[in-house]
N, C-alpha and C. Protein backbone atom coordinates (compact mmCIF):
# COMPACT_ATOMS: atom_id res chain seq x y z
N UNK A 1 0.78 -1.14 -0.05
CA UNK A 1 -0.02 -0.01 -0.02
C UNK A 1 0.90 1.25 0.00
N UNK A 2 0.56 2.29 -0.89
CA UNK A 2 1.19 3.50 -0.91
C UNK A 2 0.58 4.67 -0.11
N UNK A 3 1.33 5.47 0.58
CA UNK A 3 0.73 6.55 1.20
C UNK A 3 1.61 7.86 0.99
N UNK A 4 0.88 9.07 0.87
CA UNK A 4 1.66 10.27 0.71
C UNK A 4 1.54 11.09 2.02
N UNK A 5 2.67 11.64 2.48
CA UNK A 5 2.61 12.45 3.70
C UNK A 5 3.85 13.52 3.53
N UNK A 6 3.58 14.61 3.77
CA UNK A 6 4.52 15.82 3.64
C UNK A 6 5.27 15.75 2.23
N UNK A 7 4.47 15.40 1.17
CA UNK A 7 5.02 15.33 -0.15
C UNK A 7 6.04 14.28 -0.39
N UNK A 8 6.01 13.28 0.42
CA UNK A 8 6.88 12.14 0.23
C UNK A 8 6.05 10.98 0.24
N UNK A 9 6.58 9.88 -0.65
CA UNK A 9 5.82 8.73 -0.83
C UNK A 9 6.31 7.65 0.10
N UNK A 10 5.48 6.96 0.75
CA UNK A 10 5.70 5.88 1.75
C UNK A 10 5.15 4.57 1.26
N UNK A 11 5.79 3.28 1.57
CA UNK A 11 5.28 2.13 1.40
C UNK A 11 4.93 1.50 2.76
N UNK A 12 3.72 1.02 3.01
CA UNK A 12 3.39 0.32 4.18
C UNK A 12 4.00 -1.10 4.24
N UNK A 13 4.76 -1.46 5.18
CA UNK A 13 5.40 -2.77 5.25
C UNK A 13 4.87 -3.62 6.47
N UNK A 14 3.98 -3.02 7.22
CA UNK A 14 3.36 -3.80 8.31
C UNK A 14 2.32 -2.82 8.94
N UNK A 15 1.65 -3.28 9.92
CA UNK A 15 0.69 -2.47 10.62
C UNK A 15 1.42 -1.30 11.28
N UNK A 16 1.06 -0.11 10.91
CA UNK A 16 1.65 1.21 11.34
C UNK A 16 3.03 1.24 11.10
N UNK A 17 3.64 0.50 10.09
CA UNK A 17 5.02 0.62 9.75
C UNK A 17 5.22 0.92 8.32
N UNK A 18 6.05 2.04 8.06
CA UNK A 18 6.27 2.65 6.75
C UNK A 18 7.63 2.83 6.43
N UNK A 19 8.01 2.63 5.06
CA UNK A 19 9.39 3.10 4.72
C UNK A 19 9.24 4.13 3.54
N UNK A 20 10.27 4.98 3.51
CA UNK A 20 10.26 5.88 2.41
C UNK A 20 10.48 5.20 1.01
N UNK A 21 9.64 5.55 0.12
CA UNK A 21 9.70 4.87 -1.08
C UNK A 21 11.13 5.04 -1.94
N UNK A 22 11.73 6.13 -1.72
CA UNK A 22 12.99 6.21 -2.48
C UNK A 22 14.13 5.36 -1.87
N UNK A 23 13.89 4.84 -0.75
CA UNK A 23 14.77 3.87 -0.19
C UNK A 23 14.79 2.50 -1.00
N UNK A 24 13.62 2.21 -1.51
CA UNK A 24 13.44 1.02 -2.24
C UNK A 24 13.47 1.15 -3.74
N UNK A 25 12.80 2.20 -4.26
CA UNK A 25 12.74 2.54 -5.74
C UNK A 25 14.01 3.05 -6.22
N UNK A 26 14.59 3.73 -5.46
CA UNK A 26 15.92 4.62 -6.02
C UNK A 26 15.41 5.77 -6.73
N UNK A 27 16.56 6.66 -6.88
CA UNK A 27 16.54 7.90 -7.54
C UNK A 27 17.60 7.89 -8.81
N UNK A 28 17.25 8.16 -9.84
CA UNK A 28 18.12 8.21 -11.21
C UNK A 28 18.96 9.45 -10.98
N UNK A 29 20.36 9.41 -10.94
CA UNK A 29 21.19 10.63 -10.83
C UNK A 29 22.24 10.31 -12.01
N UNK A 30 22.79 11.51 -12.52
CA UNK A 30 23.74 11.48 -13.44
C UNK A 30 25.08 11.83 -13.02
N UNK A 31 26.19 11.14 -13.43
CA UNK A 31 27.52 11.38 -12.99
C UNK A 31 28.27 12.66 -13.87
N UNK A 32 28.68 13.46 -13.08
CA UNK A 32 29.44 14.62 -13.75
C UNK A 32 30.90 14.26 -14.17
N UNK A 33 31.49 13.14 -13.62
CA UNK A 33 32.84 12.79 -13.89
C UNK A 33 32.89 11.26 -13.83
N UNK A 34 33.92 10.71 -14.33
CA UNK A 34 34.18 9.26 -13.81
C UNK A 34 34.20 9.12 -12.48
N UNK A 35 33.66 8.00 -11.85
CA UNK A 35 33.43 7.71 -10.58
C UNK A 35 33.86 6.29 -10.22
N UNK A 36 34.51 6.29 -9.07
CA UNK A 36 34.85 4.82 -8.47
C UNK A 36 33.76 4.31 -7.61
N UNK A 37 33.63 3.14 -7.57
CA UNK A 37 32.73 2.48 -6.61
C UNK A 37 33.57 2.07 -5.36
N UNK A 38 32.86 2.37 -4.26
CA UNK A 38 33.54 2.13 -2.91
C UNK A 38 32.70 1.16 -2.09
N UNK A 39 33.50 0.56 -1.12
CA UNK A 39 32.77 -0.38 -0.05
C UNK A 39 33.39 0.16 1.19
N UNK A 40 32.80 -0.30 2.33
CA UNK A 40 33.32 -0.03 3.55
C UNK A 40 34.34 -0.99 3.96
N UNK A 41 35.47 -0.62 4.46
CA UNK A 41 36.50 -1.59 4.81
C UNK A 41 36.13 -2.24 6.22
N UNK A 42 36.66 -3.41 6.35
CA UNK A 42 36.51 -4.22 7.59
C UNK A 42 37.34 -3.54 8.63
N UNK A 43 36.95 -3.24 9.75
CA UNK A 43 37.69 -2.91 10.91
C UNK A 43 37.76 -1.41 10.96
N UNK A 44 38.28 -0.62 9.96
CA UNK A 44 38.61 0.82 10.22
C UNK A 44 37.37 1.62 9.71
N UNK A 45 36.28 1.03 9.19
CA UNK A 45 35.12 1.73 8.89
C UNK A 45 35.24 2.88 7.82
N UNK A 46 36.30 2.85 7.09
CA UNK A 46 36.40 3.79 6.01
C UNK A 46 36.06 3.27 4.50
N UNK A 47 35.98 4.09 3.54
CA UNK A 47 35.63 3.71 2.31
C UNK A 47 36.91 3.28 1.32
N UNK A 48 36.90 2.11 0.81
CA UNK A 48 37.94 1.73 -0.04
C UNK A 48 37.40 1.33 -1.42
N UNK A 49 38.19 1.39 -2.44
CA UNK A 49 37.81 1.10 -3.85
C UNK A 49 37.39 -0.33 -3.90
N UNK A 50 36.27 -0.48 -4.72
CA UNK A 50 35.63 -1.74 -4.90
C UNK A 50 36.07 -2.40 -6.16
N UNK A 51 36.93 -3.35 -6.25
CA UNK A 51 37.39 -4.06 -7.50
C UNK A 51 37.83 -3.07 -8.65
N UNK A 52 38.38 -1.94 -8.46
CA UNK A 52 38.72 -1.06 -9.54
C UNK A 52 37.61 -0.80 -10.48
N UNK A 53 36.28 -0.80 -10.00
CA UNK A 53 35.31 -0.58 -10.90
C UNK A 53 35.10 0.84 -11.12
N UNK A 54 34.82 1.31 -12.25
CA UNK A 54 34.71 2.79 -12.68
C UNK A 54 33.32 3.03 -13.37
N UNK A 55 32.52 4.04 -12.96
CA UNK A 55 31.37 4.38 -13.67
C UNK A 55 31.76 5.54 -14.55
N UNK A 56 31.32 5.61 -15.85
CA UNK A 56 31.59 6.62 -16.77
C UNK A 56 30.78 7.90 -16.61
N UNK A 57 31.57 8.98 -17.01
CA UNK A 57 30.98 10.38 -16.93
C UNK A 57 29.63 10.26 -17.82
N UNK A 58 28.67 11.10 -17.32
CA UNK A 58 27.34 11.33 -17.89
C UNK A 58 26.50 10.07 -17.88
N UNK A 59 27.01 8.97 -17.34
CA UNK A 59 26.08 7.73 -17.27
C UNK A 59 25.12 8.02 -16.11
N UNK A 60 23.96 7.22 -16.10
CA UNK A 60 22.96 7.38 -15.10
C UNK A 60 23.05 6.24 -14.14
N UNK A 61 22.74 6.46 -12.91
CA UNK A 61 23.01 5.52 -11.84
C UNK A 61 21.81 5.61 -10.86
N UNK A 62 21.21 4.49 -10.49
CA UNK A 62 20.22 4.56 -9.39
C UNK A 62 20.85 4.64 -7.98
N UNK A 63 20.44 5.56 -7.17
CA UNK A 63 20.87 5.65 -5.90
C UNK A 63 19.62 5.35 -4.84
N UNK A 64 20.05 5.04 -3.71
CA UNK A 64 18.88 4.61 -2.91
C UNK A 64 19.02 5.37 -1.41
N UNK A 65 18.04 6.03 -1.14
CA UNK A 65 18.06 7.02 0.03
C UNK A 65 18.86 8.24 -0.02
N UNK A 66 18.98 8.99 1.05
CA UNK A 66 19.86 10.00 1.01
C UNK A 66 21.33 9.72 1.24
N UNK A 67 22.23 10.70 1.12
CA UNK A 67 23.66 10.44 1.23
C UNK A 67 24.02 10.02 2.61
N UNK A 68 24.92 9.05 2.78
CA UNK A 68 25.34 8.61 4.14
C UNK A 68 26.90 9.10 4.17
N UNK A 69 27.22 9.18 5.47
CA UNK A 69 28.51 9.67 5.79
C UNK A 69 29.44 8.57 6.28
N UNK A 70 30.54 8.45 5.51
CA UNK A 70 31.60 7.41 5.90
C UNK A 70 32.87 8.29 6.25
N UNK A 71 33.38 8.29 7.51
CA UNK A 71 34.51 9.06 7.81
C UNK A 71 34.38 10.31 7.39
N UNK A 72 33.29 11.04 7.59
CA UNK A 72 33.15 12.47 7.15
C UNK A 72 32.78 12.82 5.84
N UNK A 73 32.89 11.79 4.74
CA UNK A 73 32.65 12.13 3.46
C UNK A 73 31.24 11.43 3.08
N UNK A 74 30.53 12.15 2.22
CA UNK A 74 29.21 11.79 1.77
C UNK A 74 29.33 10.87 0.53
N UNK A 75 28.39 9.81 0.68
CA UNK A 75 28.20 8.89 -0.36
C UNK A 75 26.78 8.53 -0.64
N UNK A 76 26.50 8.18 -1.89
CA UNK A 76 25.15 7.62 -2.20
C UNK A 76 25.32 6.11 -2.31
N UNK A 77 24.23 5.46 -1.77
CA UNK A 77 24.32 3.86 -1.84
C UNK A 77 23.80 3.61 -3.16
N UNK A 78 24.49 2.75 -3.90
CA UNK A 78 24.12 2.29 -5.23
C UNK A 78 23.72 0.86 -5.32
N UNK A 79 23.98 0.06 -4.35
CA UNK A 79 23.69 -1.31 -4.14
C UNK A 79 24.09 -1.69 -2.90
N UNK A 80 23.93 -3.10 -2.53
CA UNK A 80 24.13 -3.67 -1.18
C UNK A 80 25.78 -3.57 -1.01
N UNK A 81 26.25 -2.69 -0.12
CA UNK A 81 27.57 -2.54 0.29
C UNK A 81 28.44 -1.71 -0.78
N UNK A 82 27.84 -1.02 -1.66
CA UNK A 82 28.37 -0.33 -2.72
C UNK A 82 27.92 1.12 -2.65
N UNK A 83 29.08 2.08 -2.75
CA UNK A 83 28.79 3.53 -2.51
C UNK A 83 29.53 4.35 -3.73
N UNK A 84 29.17 5.48 -3.97
CA UNK A 84 29.76 6.38 -4.95
C UNK A 84 29.73 7.65 -4.22
N UNK A 85 30.83 8.48 -4.35
CA UNK A 85 30.98 9.75 -3.65
C UNK A 85 29.78 10.59 -4.19
N UNK A 86 29.20 11.46 -3.27
CA UNK A 86 28.24 12.46 -3.56
C UNK A 86 28.68 13.52 -4.55
N UNK A 87 29.91 13.81 -4.47
CA UNK A 87 30.44 14.95 -5.24
C UNK A 87 30.65 14.58 -6.73
N UNK A 88 30.63 13.37 -6.96
CA UNK A 88 30.70 12.79 -8.32
C UNK A 88 29.49 12.91 -9.18
N UNK A 89 28.39 13.23 -8.60
CA UNK A 89 27.04 13.31 -9.25
C UNK A 89 26.77 14.86 -9.41
N UNK A 90 25.89 15.13 -10.54
CA UNK A 90 25.50 16.44 -10.94
C UNK A 90 24.51 17.01 -9.87
């Protein structure tokens, strides 16, 4: 079931339990430059490159939720355990 509140779309996942739709559906964003994919390192909690993967400039990428902070730098979630720096997007 879908609900609108404060101009945001929510999905009902249980009785009186809702999640923000953008956390599930994603938001399409365009890269302004080539971007690396990062993952969280084990132990230190910082972001490290994920398999030398590069996303190309002007390509579109689905991001989920709002930007998250890892060691003071903002990243968008693009998949389970995968992040791209917020500054790489238009």
